[in-house]
C-alpha atoms as a PDB file:
ATOM      1  CA  UNK A   1      11.447   9.749   2.560  1.00  0.00           C
ATOM      2  CA  UNK A   2      10.114   6.482   2.126  1.00  0.00           C
ATOM      3  CA  UNK A   3       9.666   6.892  -1.739  1.00  0.00           C
ATOM      4  CA  UNK A   4      13.133   7.164  -1.997  1.00  0.00           C
ATOM      5  CA  UNK A   5      13.898   3.765  -0.170  1.00  0.00           C
ATOM      6  CA  UNK A   6      11.085   1.606  -2.191  1.00  0.00           C
ATOM      7  CA  UNK A   7      12.815  -1.385  -3.953  1.00  0.00           C
ATOM      8  CA  UNK A   8      11.401   0.539  -7.042  1.00  0.00           C
ATOM      9  CA  UNK A   9      12.932   3.851  -6.839  1.00  0.00           C
ATOM     10  CA  UNK A  10      15.271   3.890  -9.432  1.00  0.00           C
ATOM     11  CA  UNK A  11      18.216   6.471  -8.039  1.00  0.00           C
ATOM     12  CA  UNK A  12      20.349   6.928 -11.615  1.00  0.00           C
ATOM     13  CA  UNK A  13      16.864   8.182 -13.388  1.00  0.00           C
ATOM     14  CA  UNK A  14      16.288  10.425 -10.476  1.00  0.00           C
ATOM     15  CA  UNK A  15      20.099  12.079 -10.765  1.00  0.00           C
ATOM     16  CA  UNK A  16      19.390  12.317 -14.274  1.00  0.00           C
ATOM     17  CA  UNK A  17      16.310  14.176 -14.383  1.00  0.00           C
ATOM     18  CA  UNK A  18      17.337  16.493 -11.665  1.00  0.00           C
ATOM     19  CA  UNK A  19      18.596  20.377 -11.972  1.00  0.00           C
ATOM     20  CA  UNK A  20      22.236  21.152 -11.038  1.00  0.00           C
ATOM     21  CA  UNK A  21      22.447  23.646  -8.272  1.00  0.00           C
ATOM     22  CA  UNK A  22      24.424  26.871  -9.794  1.00  0.00           C
ATOM     23  CA  UNK A  23      27.860  27.633  -9.104  1.00  0.00           C
ATOM     24  CA  UNK A  24      26.738  31.214  -7.754  1.00  0.00           C
ATOM     25  CA  UNK A  25      24.451  29.478  -4.808  1.00  0.00           C
ATOM     26  CA  UNK A  26      27.442  27.739  -3.274  1.00  0.00           C
ATOM     27  CA  UNK A  27      30.002  30.882  -3.299  1.00  0.00           C
ATOM     28  CA  UNK A  28      26.915  32.489  -1.829  1.00  0.00           C
ATOM     29  CA  UNK A  29      26.968  29.639   1.036  1.00  0.00           C
ATOM     30  CA  UNK A  30      30.890  29.363   1.287  1.00  0.00           C
ATOM     31  CA  UNK A  31      31.148  33.586   1.526  1.00  0.00           C
ATOM     32  CA  UNK A  32      28.384  33.537   4.327  1.00  0.00           C
ATOM     33  CA  UNK A  33      30.075  30.406   5.873  1.00  0.00           C
ATOM     34  CA  UNK A  34      33.625  32.286   5.471  1.00  0.00           C
ATOM     35  CA  UNK A  35      31.900  35.586   7.335  1.00  0.00           C
ATOM     36  CA  UNK A  36      31.363  35.167  11.374  1.00  0.00           C
ATOM     37  CA  UNK A  37      30.958  37.570  14.382  1.00  0.00           C
ATOM     38  CA  UNK A  38      34.269  36.860  15.502  1.00  0.00           C
ATOM     39  CA  UNK A  39      36.200  36.815  12.032  1.00  0.00           C
ATOM     40  CA  UNK A  40      37.051  33.086  11.818  1.00  0.00           C
ATOM     41  CA  UNK A  41      36.809  30.406   9.878  1.00  0.00           C
ATOM     42  CA  UNK A  42      37.343  26.480   9.272  1.00  0.00           C
ATOM     43  CA  UNK A  43      37.394  24.402   6.451  1.00  0.00           C
ATOM     44  CA  UNK A  44      38.176  21.071   7.750  1.00  0.00           C
ATOM     45  CA  UNK A  45      34.894  19.518   7.823  1.00  0.00           C
ATOM     46  CA  UNK A  46      31.864  19.708   5.636  1.00  0.00           C
ATOM     47  CA  UNK A  47      28.361  17.141   6.049  1.00  0.00           C
ATOM     48  CA  UNK A  48      25.581  17.282   3.441  1.00  0.00           C
ATOM     49  CA  UNK A  49      22.660  15.861   4.975  1.00  0.00           C
ATOM     50  CA  UNK A  50      20.201  13.626   2.727  1.00  0.00           C
ATOM     51  CA  UNK A  51      22.837  14.074   0.200  1.00  0.00           C
ATOM     52  CA  UNK A  52      21.049  11.607  -2.410  1.00  0.00           C
ATOM     53  CA  UNK A  53      23.194  11.245  -5.463  1.00  0.00           C
ATOM     54  CA  UNK A  54      26.276  13.414  -4.624  1.00  0.00           C
ATOM     55  CA  UNK A  55      25.346  16.405  -6.461  1.00  0.00           C
ATOM     56  CA  UNK A  56      25.656  19.259  -3.829  1.00  0.00           C
ATOM     57  CA  UNK A  57      28.373  17.300  -1.982  1.00  0.00           C
ATOM     58  CA  UNK A  58      31.084  17.174  -4.595  1.00  0.00           C
ATOM     59  CA  UNK A  59      30.678  20.952  -4.531  1.00  0.00           C
ATOM     60  CA  UNK A  60      31.895  21.428  -1.406  1.00  0.00           C
ATOM     61  CA  UNK A  61      35.437  20.097  -2.193  1.00  0.00           C
ATOM     62  CA  UNK A  62      36.714  23.320  -0.639  1.00  0.00           C
ATOM     63  CA  UNK A  63      37.062  21.087   2.492  1.00  0.00           C
ATOM     64  CA  UNK A  64      39.177  18.843   3.632  1.00  0.00           C
ATOM     65  CA  UNK A  65      36.874  16.355   4.449  1.00  0.00           C
ATOM     66  CA  UNK A  66      33.038  15.778   3.365  1.00  0.00           C
ATOM     67  CA  UNK A  67      30.719  13.636   4.158  1.00  0.00           C
ATOM     68  CA  UNK A  68      27.442  12.476   2.988  1.00  0.00           C
ATOM     69  CA  UNK A  69      24.614  11.272   4.565  1.00  0.00           C
ATOM     70  CA  UNK A  70      21.491   9.783   3.323  1.00  0.00           C
ATOM     71  CA  UNK A  71      19.255   7.311   4.543  1.00  0.00           C
ATOM     72  CA  UNK A  72      18.783   5.776   1.368  1.00  0.00           C
ATOM     73  CA  UNK A  73      21.316   2.892   0.214  1.00  0.00           C
ATOM     74  CA  UNK A  74      20.490   3.522  -3.321  1.00  0.00           C
ATOM     75  CA  UNK A  75      21.113   6.847  -3.120  1.00  0.00           C
ATOM     76  CA  UNK A  76      24.613   6.236  -1.008  1.00  0.00           C
ATOM     77  CA  UNK A  77      25.516   3.790  -3.822  1.00  0.00           C
ATOM     78  CA  UNK A  78      24.852   6.586  -6.443  1.00  0.00           C
ATOM     79  CA  UNK A  79      26.963   9.281  -4.987  1.00  0.00           C
ATOM     80  CA  UNK A  80      29.559   6.672  -4.786  1.00  0.00           C
ATOM     81  CA  UNK A  81      29.724   6.368  -8.326  1.00  0.00           C
ATOM     82  CA  UNK A  82      29.054   9.727  -9.154  1.00  0.00           C
ATOM     83  CA  UNK A  83      32.343  10.943  -6.832  1.00  0.00           C
ATOM     84  CA  UNK A  84      34.400   8.204  -8.714  1.00  0.00           C
ATOM     85  CA  UNK A  85      33.848  10.962 -11.710  1.00  0.00           C
ATOM     86  CA  UNK A  86      36.731  13.309  -9.571  1.00  0.00           C
ATOM     87  CA  UNK A  87      39.097  10.806 -10.014  1.00  0.00           C
ATOM     88  CA  UNK A  88      42.034  11.739  -7.536  1.00  0.00           C
ATOM     89  CA  UNK A  89      40.472  14.092  -5.186  1.00  0.00           C
ATOM     90  CA  UNK A  90      37.898  11.596  -4.338  1.00  0.00           C
ATOM     91  CA  UNK A  91      39.690  10.387  -0.972  1.00  0.00           C
ATOM     92  CA  UNK A  92      38.245  13.536   0.797  1.00  0.00           C
ATOM     93  CA  UNK A  93      34.549  12.743   0.116  1.00  0.00           C
ATOM     94  CA  UNK A  94      32.885   9.645   2.508  1.00  0.00           C
ATOM     95  CA  UNK A  95      29.591   8.435   2.707  1.00  0.00           C
ATOM     96  CA  UNK A  96      27.375   7.058   5.408  1.00  0.00           C
ATOM     97  CA  UNK A  97      24.199   5.882   5.163  1.00  0.00           C
ATOM     98  CA  UNK A  98      22.102   7.043   8.742  1.00  0.00           C
ATOM     99  CA  UNK A  99      19.081   9.410   8.953  1.00  0.00           C
ATOM    100  CA  UNK A 100      20.026  12.447   9.111  1.00  0.00           C
ATOM    101  CA  UNK A 101      19.076  12.946  12.677  1.00  0.00           C
ATOM    102  CA  UNK A 102      21.420  10.309  14.044  1.00  0.00           C
ATOM    103  CA  UNK A 103      24.947  11.699  13.761  1.00  0.00           C
ATOM    104  CA  UNK A 104      26.701  10.188  16.636  1.00  0.00           C
ATOM    105  CA  UNK A 105      29.122   8.635  14.078  1.00  0.00           C
ATOM    106  CA  UNK A 106      30.598  12.171  14.177  1.00  0.00           C
ATOM    107  CA  UNK A 107      32.087  14.069  17.386  1.00  0.00           C
ATOM    108  CA  UNK A 108      31.404  16.849  19.695  1.00  0.00           C
ATOM    109  CA  UNK A 109      32.197  20.284  17.989  1.00  0.00           C
ATOM    110  CA  UNK A 110      33.872  18.626  15.005  1.00  0.00           C
ATOM    111  CA  UNK A 111      31.707  19.948  11.700  1.00  0.00           C
ATOM    112  CA  UNK A 112      32.319  23.529  10.203  1.00  0.00           C
ATOM    113  CA  UNK A 113      29.356  23.578   7.445  1.00  0.00           C
ATOM    114  CA  UNK A 114      26.308  21.760   7.328  1.00  0.00           C
ATOM    115  CA  UNK A 115      24.202  21.783   4.285  1.00  0.00           C
ATOM    116  CA  UNK A 116      20.575  19.850   2.786  1.00  0.00           C
ATOM    117  CA  UNK A 117      19.876  20.609  -0.762  1.00  0.00           C
ATOM    118  CA  UNK A 118      16.343  19.565  -1.524  1.00  0.00           C
ATOM    119  CA  UNK A 119      16.028  17.218   1.639  1.00  0.00           C
ATOM    120  CA  UNK A 120      15.557  19.596   4.263  1.00  0.00           C
ATOM    121  CA  UNK A 121      12.133  19.464   3.832  1.00  0.00           C
ATOM    122  CA  UNK A 122      11.938  15.516   4.989  1.00  0.00           C
ATOM    123  CA  UNK A 123      13.789  15.969   8.079  1.00  0.00           C
ATOM    124  CA  UNK A 124      12.366  16.207  11.341  1.00  0.00           C
ATOM    125  CA  UNK A 125      14.029  19.105  12.909  1.00  0.00           C
ATOM    126  CA  UNK A 126      13.342  19.151  16.660  1.00  0.00           C
ATOM    127  CA  UNK A 127      15.630  16.238  17.124  1.00  0.00           C
ATOM    128  CA  UNK A 128      18.067  17.759  14.274  1.00  0.00           C
ATOM    129  CA  UNK A 129      18.860  21.087  15.659  1.00  0.00           C
ATOM    130  CA  UNK A 130      19.867  19.610  18.996  1.00  0.00           C
ATOM    131  CA  UNK A 131      22.177  17.188  16.786  1.00  0.00           C
ATOM    132  CA  UNK A 132      23.591  20.180  14.809  1.00  0.00           C
ATOM    133  CA  UNK A 133      24.225  22.186  17.870  1.00  0.00           C
ATOM    134  CA  UNK A 134      26.896  19.109  19.417  1.00  0.00           C
ATOM    135  CA  UNK A 135      28.340  18.494  16.157  1.00  0.00           C
ATOM    136  CA  UNK A 136      28.936  22.136  15.151  1.00  0.00           C
ATOM    137  CA  UNK A 137      32.320  24.393  15.944  1.00  0.00           C
ATOM    138  CA  UNK A 138      31.843  27.538  17.325  1.00  0.00           C
ATOM    139  CA  UNK A 139      30.879  29.938  14.481  1.00  0.00           C
ATOM    140  CA  UNK A 140      29.822  26.891  12.124  1.00  0.00           C
ATOM    141  CA  UNK A 141      27.432  27.142   9.816  1.00  0.00           C
ATOM    142  CA  UNK A 142      24.400  25.415   8.399  1.00  0.00           C
ATOM    143  CA  UNK A 143      22.812  26.058   4.789  1.00  0.00           C
ATOM    144  CA  UNK A 144      19.504  24.594   3.551  1.00  0.00           C
ATOM    145  CA  UNK A 145      17.991  25.587   0.270  1.00  0.00           C
ATOM    146  CA  UNK A 146      15.289  23.991  -1.959  1.00  0.00           C
ATOM    147  CA  UNK A 147      13.276  24.522  -4.857  1.00  0.00           C
ATOM    148  CA  UNK A 148       9.443  24.667  -5.440  1.00  0.00           C
ATOM    149  CA  UNK A 149       7.306  24.537  -8.093  1.00  0.00           C
ATOM    150  CA  UNK A 150       8.985  24.931 -11.760  1.00  0.00           C
ATOM    151  CA  UNK A 151       7.813  26.647 -14.760  1.00  0.00           C
ATOM    152  CA  UNK A 152       8.543  27.488 -18.075  1.00  0.00           C
ATOM    153  CA  UNK A 153      10.743  30.639 -18.106  1.00  0.00           C
ATOM    154  CA  UNK A 154       9.048  31.768 -21.822  1.00  0.00           C
ATOM    155  CA  UNK A 155       5.664  30.943 -21.091  1.00  0.00           C
ATOM    156  CA  UNK A 156       4.796  32.068 -17.519  1.00  0.00           C
ATOM    157  CA  UNK A 157       1.179  32.518 -18.588  1.00  0.00           C
ATOM    158  CA  UNK A 158       1.171  28.312 -18.737  1.00  0.00           C
ATOM    159  CA  UNK A 159       2.292  28.070 -14.469  1.00  0.00           C
ATOM    160  CA  UNK A 160      -1.361  27.689 -13.844  1.00  0.00           C
ATOM    161  CA  UNK A 161      -1.556  24.677 -15.792  1.00  0.00           C
ATOM    162  CA  UNK A 162       2.090  22.977 -14.607  1.00  0.00           C
ATOM    163  CA  UNK A 163       0.683  24.134 -10.676  1.00  0.00           C
ATOM    164  CA  UNK A 164      -2.842  21.815 -11.308  1.00  0.00           C
ATOM    165  CA  UNK A 165      -0.736  19.021 -12.577  1.00  0.00           C
ATOM    166  CA  UNK A 166       1.964  18.792  -9.942  1.00  0.00           C
ATOM    167  CA  UNK A 167      -0.353  20.618  -6.749  1.00  0.00           C
ATOM    168  CA  UNK A 168      -4.093  20.005  -7.890  1.00  0.00           C
ATOM    169  CA  UNK A 169      -6.284  17.813  -5.734  1.00  0.00           C
ATOM    170  CA  UNK A 170      -8.017  15.748  -8.419  1.00  0.00           C
ATOM    171  CA  UNK A 171      -6.525  12.014  -7.582  1.00  0.00           C
ATOM    172  CA  UNK A 172      -6.918  10.686 -10.781  1.00  0.00           C
ATOM    173  CA  UNK A 173      -5.729  14.147 -13.001  1.00  0.00           C
ATOM    174  CA  UNK A 174      -3.044  15.402 -10.856  1.00  0.00           C
ATOM    175  CA  UNK A 175      -0.145  14.716  -8.433  1.00  0.00           C
ATOM    176  CA  UNK A 176      -0.967  16.697  -5.925  1.00  0.00           C
ATOM    177  CA  UNK A 177      -2.421  13.924  -3.501  1.00  0.00           C
ATOM    178  CA  UNK A 178       0.641  11.973  -4.284  1.00  0.00           C
ATOM    179  CA  UNK A 179       3.301  14.336  -2.459  1.00  0.00           C
ATOM    180  CA  UNK A 180       4.556  12.861   0.897  1.00  0.00           C
ATOM    181  CA  UNK A 181       3.354  15.428   3.539  1.00  0.00           C
ATOM    182  CA  UNK A 182       3.935  17.507   5.480  1.00  0.00           C
ATOM    183  CA  UNK A 183       7.683  18.300   3.653  1.00  0.00           C
ATOM    184  CA  UNK A 184       6.316  18.993   0.021  1.00  0.00           C
ATOM    185  CA  UNK A 185       3.711  21.695   2.101  1.00  0.00           C
ATOM    186  CA  UNK A 186       7.397  22.810   3.994  1.00  0.00           C
ATOM    187  CA  UNK A 187       9.405  23.061   0.506  1.00  0.00           C
ATOM    188  CA  UNK A 188       6.702  25.006  -0.846  1.00  0.00           C
ATOM    189  CA  UNK A 189       6.587  27.509   1.844  1.00  0.00           C
ATOM    190  CA  UNK A 190       9.892  28.437   1.584  1.00  0.00           C
ATOM    191  CA  UNK A 191      11.180  26.824   4.823  1.00  0.00           C
ATOM    192  CA  UNK A 192       9.046  28.870   6.953  1.00  0.00           C
ATOM    193  CA  UNK A 193       7.362  26.170   8.568  1.00  0.00           C
ATOM    194  CA  UNK A 194      10.596  25.039  10.162  1.00  0.00           C
ATOM    195  CA  UNK A 195      11.268  25.042  13.769  1.00  0.00           C
ATOM    196  CA  UNK A 196      13.093  27.609  14.504  1.00  0.00           C
ATOM    197  CA  UNK A 197      17.005  26.714  15.762  1.00  0.00           C
ATOM    198  CA  UNK A 198      16.754  29.415  18.229  1.00  0.00           C
ATOM    199  CA  UNK A 199      13.406  27.766  19.782  1.00  0.00           C
ATOM    200  CA  UNK A 200      14.721  24.205  19.604  1.00  0.00           C
ATOM    201  CA  UNK A 201      18.059  24.940  21.108  1.00  0.00           C
ATOM    202  CA  UNK A 202      18.116  28.589  22.856  1.00  0.00           C
ATOM    203  CA  UNK A 203      21.203  30.167  22.813  1.00  0.00           C
ATOM    204  CA  UNK A 204      22.894  27.756  20.466  1.00  0.00           C
ATOM    205  CA  UNK A 205      22.312  29.283  17.339  1.00  0.00           C
ATOM    206  CA  UNK A 206      22.163  32.838  16.079  1.00  0.00           C
ATOM    207  CA  UNK A 207      19.032  34.027  14.042  1.00  0.00           C
ATOM    208  CA  UNK A 208      18.352  32.646  10.560  1.00  0.00           C
ATOM    209  CA  UNK A 209      18.589  34.261   7.536  1.00  0.00           C
ATOM    210  CA  UNK A 210      16.471  33.694   4.596  1.00  0.00           C
ATOM    211  CA  UNK A 211      17.437  34.491   1.012  1.00  0.00           C
ATOM    212  CA  UNK A 212      14.961  34.227  -1.857  1.00  0.00           C
ATOM    213  CA  UNK A 213      15.626  33.210  -5.783  1.00  0.00           C
ATOM    214  CA  UNK A 214      11.943  33.191  -6.288  1.00  0.00           C
ATOM    215  CA  UNK A 215      11.889  36.085  -8.557  1.00  0.00           C
ATOM    216  CA  UNK A 216       8.231  37.252  -9.586  1.00  0.00           C
ATOM    217  CA  UNK A 217       7.060  33.804  -8.567  1.00  0.00           C
ATOM    218  CA  UNK A 218       6.127  34.644  -4.861  1.00  0.00           C
ATOM    219  CA  UNK A 219       6.240  38.572  -4.620  1.00  0.00           C
ATOM    220  CA  UNK A 220       5.092  38.667  -1.072  1.00  0.00           C
ATOM    221  CA  UNK A 221       8.025  36.774   0.223  1.00  0.00           C
ATOM    222  CA  UNK A 222      10.433  40.068   1.217  1.00  0.00           C
ATOM    223  CA  UNK A 223      13.217  41.002  -0.652  1.00  0.00           C
ATOM    224  CA  UNK A 224      12.859  38.563  -3.877  1.00  0.00           C
ATOM    225  CA  UNK A 225      15.904  38.130  -5.528  1.00  0.00           C
ATOM    226  CA  UNK A 226      16.288  36.912  -9.520  1.00  0.00           C
ATOM    227  CA  UNK A 227      15.915  33.365 -10.109  1.00  0.00           C
ATOM    228  CA  UNK A 228      19.156  31.382 -10.311  1.00  0.00           C
ATOM    229  CA  UNK A 229      17.927  27.563 -10.571  1.00  0.00           C
ATOM    230  CA  UNK A 230      17.261  27.391 -14.777  1.00  0.00           C
ATOM    231  CA  UNK A 231      17.759  24.539 -17.153  1.00  0.00           C
ATOM    232  CA  UNK A 232      17.558  23.938 -20.681  1.00  0.00           C
ATOM    233  CA  UNK A 233      16.572  20.486 -21.963  1.00  0.00           C
ATOM    234  CA  UNK A 234      15.345  18.480 -24.756  1.00  0.00           C
ATOM    235  CA  UNK A 235      12.000  17.137 -24.545  1.00  0.00           C
ATOM    236  CA  UNK A 236      13.562  13.881 -23.408  1.00  0.00           C
ATOM    237  CA  UNK A 237      14.955  15.308 -20.424  1.00  0.00           C
ATOM    238  CA  UNK A 238      11.896  17.311 -19.419  1.00  0.00           C
ATOM    239  CA  UNK A 239       9.879  14.120 -19.699  1.00  0.00           C
ATOM    240  CA  UNK A 240      12.869  12.415 -17.641  1.00  0.00           C
ATOM    241  CA  UNK A 241      12.354  15.145 -15.081  1.00  0.00           C
ATOM    242  CA  UNK A 242       8.769  14.579 -14.662  1.00  0.00           C
ATOM    243  CA  UNK A 243       9.195  11.155 -14.520  1.00  0.00           C
ATOM    244  CA  UNK A 244      11.504  11.657 -11.178  1.00  0.00           C
ATOM    245  CA  UNK A 245       8.879  13.184  -9.075  1.00  0.00           C
ATOM    246  CA  UNK A 246       8.379  11.091  -6.631  1.00  0.00           C
ATOM    247  CA  UNK A 247       4.442  11.812  -6.548  1.00  0.00           C
ATOM    248  CA  UNK A 248       4.244  10.579 -10.189  1.00  0.00           C
ATOM    249  CA  UNK A 249       5.958   6.823  -8.341  1.00  0.00           C
ATOM    250  CA  UNK A 250       3.124   7.423  -5.734  1.00  0.00           C
ATOM    251  CA  UNK A 251       0.607   7.714  -8.538  1.00  0.00           C
ATOM    252  CA  UNK A 252       1.567   5.264 -10.281  1.00  0.00           C
ATOM    253  CA  UNK A 253       1.660   2.424  -7.881  1.00  0.00           C
ATOM    254  CA  UNK A 254      -1.875   3.873  -7.151  1.00  0.00           C
ATOM    255  CA  UNK A 255      -2.714   3.276 -10.650  1.00  0.00           C
ATOM    256  CA  UNK A 256      -0.674   0.785 -12.746  1.00  0.00           C
ATOM    257  CA  UNK A 257      -3.123   0.511 -15.220  1.00  0.00           C
ATOM    258  CA  UNK A 258      -2.492   4.133 -16.059  1.00  0.00           C
ATOM    259  CA  UNK A 259       0.913   2.794 -17.814  1.00  0.00           C
ATOM    260  CA  UNK A 260      -0.890   0.623 -20.333  1.00  0.00           C
ATOM    261  CA  UNK A 261      -3.440   3.279 -21.564  1.00  0.00           C
ATOM    262  CA  UNK A 262      -3.811   3.708 -25.191  1.00  0.00           C
ATOM    263  CA  UNK A 263      -3.217   7.830 -24.866  1.00  0.00           C
ATOM    264  CA  UNK A 264      -0.217   7.499 -22.703  1.00  0.00           C
ATOM    265  CA  UNK A 265       0.379   7.646 -19.130  1.00  0.00           C
ATOM    266  CA  UNK A 266      -0.383  10.821 -17.305  1.00  0.00           C
ATOM    267  CA  UNK A 267       3.068  12.089 -17.658  1.00  0.00           C
ATOM    268  CA  UNK A 268       2.783  11.546 -21.241  1.00  0.00           C
ATOM    269  CA  UNK A 269      -0.927  13.177 -21.313  1.00  0.00           C
ATOM    270  CA  UNK A 270       0.408  15.791 -19.178  1.00  0.00           C
ATOM    271  CA  UNK A 271       3.641  16.770 -21.568  1.00  0.00           C
ATOM    272  CA  UNK A 272       0.911  16.692 -24.898  1.00  0.00           C
ATOM    273  CA  UNK A 273      -0.905  19.209 -23.381  1.00  0.00           C
ATOM    274  CA  UNK A 274       1.714  21.509 -21.804  1.00  0.00           C
ATOM    275  CA  UNK A 275       2.495  21.433 -25.564  1.00  0.00           C
ATOM    276  CA  UNK A 276      -0.639  22.262 -26.505  1.00  0.00           C
ATOM    277  CA  UNK A 277      -1.116  25.424 -24.460  1.00  0.00           C
ATOM    278  CA  UNK A 278       2.775  26.567 -25.554  1.00  0.00           C
ATOM    279  CA  UNK A 279       1.472  26.385 -29.488  1.00  0.00           C
ATOM    280  CA  UNK A 280      -1.406  28.244 -28.797  1.00  0.00           C
ATOM    281  CA  UNK A 281       0.613  31.242 -27.184  1.00  0.00           C
ATOM    282  CA  UNK A 282       2.841  30.930 -29.851  1.00  0.00           C
ATOM    283  CA  UNK A 283       0.205  31.370 -32.453  1.00  0.00           C
ATOM    284  CA  UNK A 284      -1.185  34.449 -30.448  1.00  0.00           C
ATOM    285  CA  UNK A 285       2.801  35.917 -30.362  1.00  0.00           C
ATOM    286  CA  UNK A 286       2.983  35.167 -34.501  1.00  0.00           C
ATOM    287  CA  UNK A 287      -0.123  36.530 -35.151  1.00  0.00           C
ATOM    288  CA  UNK A 288       0.716  40.063 -33.340  1.00  0.00           C
ATOM    289  CA  UNK A 289       3.791  39.889 -34.614  1.00  0.00           C
ATOM    290  CA  UNK A 290       3.415  38.572 -38.166  1.00  0.00           C
ATOM    291  CA  UNK A 291       5.342  35.599 -38.164  1.00  0.00           C
ATOM    292  CA  UNK A 292       5.149  31.779 -37.342  1.00  0.00           C
ATOM    293  CA  UNK A 293       6.585  29.695 -35.157  1.00  0.00           C
ATOM    294  CA  UNK A 294       7.075  25.692 -35.779  1.00  0.00           C
ATOM    295  CA  UNK A 295       4.525  23.460 -33.767  1.00  0.00           C
ATOM    296  CA  UNK A 296       5.888  22.131 -30.329  1.00  0.00           C
ATOM    297  CA  UNK A 297       3.915  19.012 -31.329  1.00  0.00           C
ATOM    298  CA  UNK A 298       6.464  18.345 -33.666  1.00  0.00           C
ATOM    299  CA  UNK A 299       9.487  18.668 -31.356  1.00  0.00           C
ATOM    300  CA  UNK A 300      10.310  22.237 -31.666  1.00  0.00           C
ATOM    301  CA  UNK A 301      10.689  24.611 -29.018  1.00  0.00           C
ATOM    302  CA  UNK A 302      11.004  28.083 -27.267  1.00  0.00           C
ATOM    303  CA  UNK A 303      14.857  27.910 -28.478  1.00  0.00           C
ATOM    304  CA  UNK A 304      14.583  26.659 -31.719  1.00  0.00           C
ATOM    305  CA  UNK A 305      16.215  23.542 -31.389  1.00  0.00           C
ATOM    306  CA  UNK A 306      13.949  21.443 -29.353  1.00  0.00           C
ATOM    307  CA  UNK A 307      14.484  22.255 -26.694  1.00  0.00           C
ATOM    308  CA  UNK A 308      12.564  23.229 -23.362  1.00  0.00           C
ATOM    309  CA  UNK A 309      13.980  26.127 -20.350  1.00  0.00           C
ATOM    310  CA  UNK A 310      12.771  25.429 -16.866  1.00  0.00           C
ATOM    311  CA  UNK A 311      13.408  27.208 -13.849  1.00  0.00           C
ATOM    312  CA  UNK A 312      12.453  26.731 -10.878  1.00  0.00           C
ATOM    313  CA  UNK A 313      12.304  29.343  -7.530  1.00  0.00           C
ATOM    314  CA  UNK A 314      15.020  28.997  -4.836  1.00  0.00           C
ATOM    315  CA  UNK A 315      14.962  29.365  -0.855  1.00  0.00           C
ATOM    316  CA  UNK A 316      17.895  29.548   1.186  1.00  0.00           C
ATOM    317  CA  UNK A 317      18.091  29.433   4.975  1.00  0.00           C
ATOM    318  CA  UNK A 318      21.616  30.283   6.908  1.00  0.00           C
ATOM    319  CA  UNK A 319      22.216  29.985  10.563  1.00  0.00           C
ATOM    320  CA  UNK A 320      25.027  30.050  11.956  1.00  0.00           C
ATOM    321  CA  UNK A 321      26.392  28.177  15.590  1.00  0.00           C
ATOM    322  CA  UNK A 322      26.203  30.681  18.250  1.00  0.00           C
END
């Protein structure tokens, strides 16, 4: 993704603003990897494609060797710094600056598990599926996941307002036109638009399995499970998350003077309007229950400690090497 390669991109701020994946997700992926048609499994080598700052990479420590791959030097530098915090186990982690579609540094049939966390929608799967077919061992696994548009857990009625800010079409008031495509659309459609492994490399893969941790966000998806990706953060942390969006970065390049507005830039204005809508909803709840809640304009939120709880629908795609 080109935004992450720009000189103005800040990998540290991006990492600080992102939600962390729950252990439940990794346990599910590893259990899937452990179970294969032949009953065999290996725990030698795992590869994290589009590893970013290493958030998912470090969770693959069940493998003897873990390789993070990303085309952005800034991301790789951030991942190395992140892994250093783990201390003596860091020797099992390696990082390679490379596009995911070029894994020539890996031998044929040498990899047990390949994952891609919040990056699969940027990859060229017509090129990648053949490469994964080459490097994966028999019964090796592929697990890709990504989360779509966030909402506030306790304020579902505000979701349309949030969607309009992030996905609307007005180039002056919405970030929608500034997502890089088709990546964002692939993510928002829960990977259903990705080329199928069985179509690209016939007989190399088994049929894919989709798992949707989307709750009631997208009721038309088959067998949606409860949301598992959730984060409670301060309003300062919430602003950091908003400002980590690549679309905001692109918006600010298009409208640099927006940062100098007296009423705040587009992110500041969005957060202020969001708090106003939360106050309106709280006022209605308080009137019904005959109670008073503090204003979000003063920094208070639903948890009572100035925090805001955010959740993201998450889609998981699992595939086995035949």
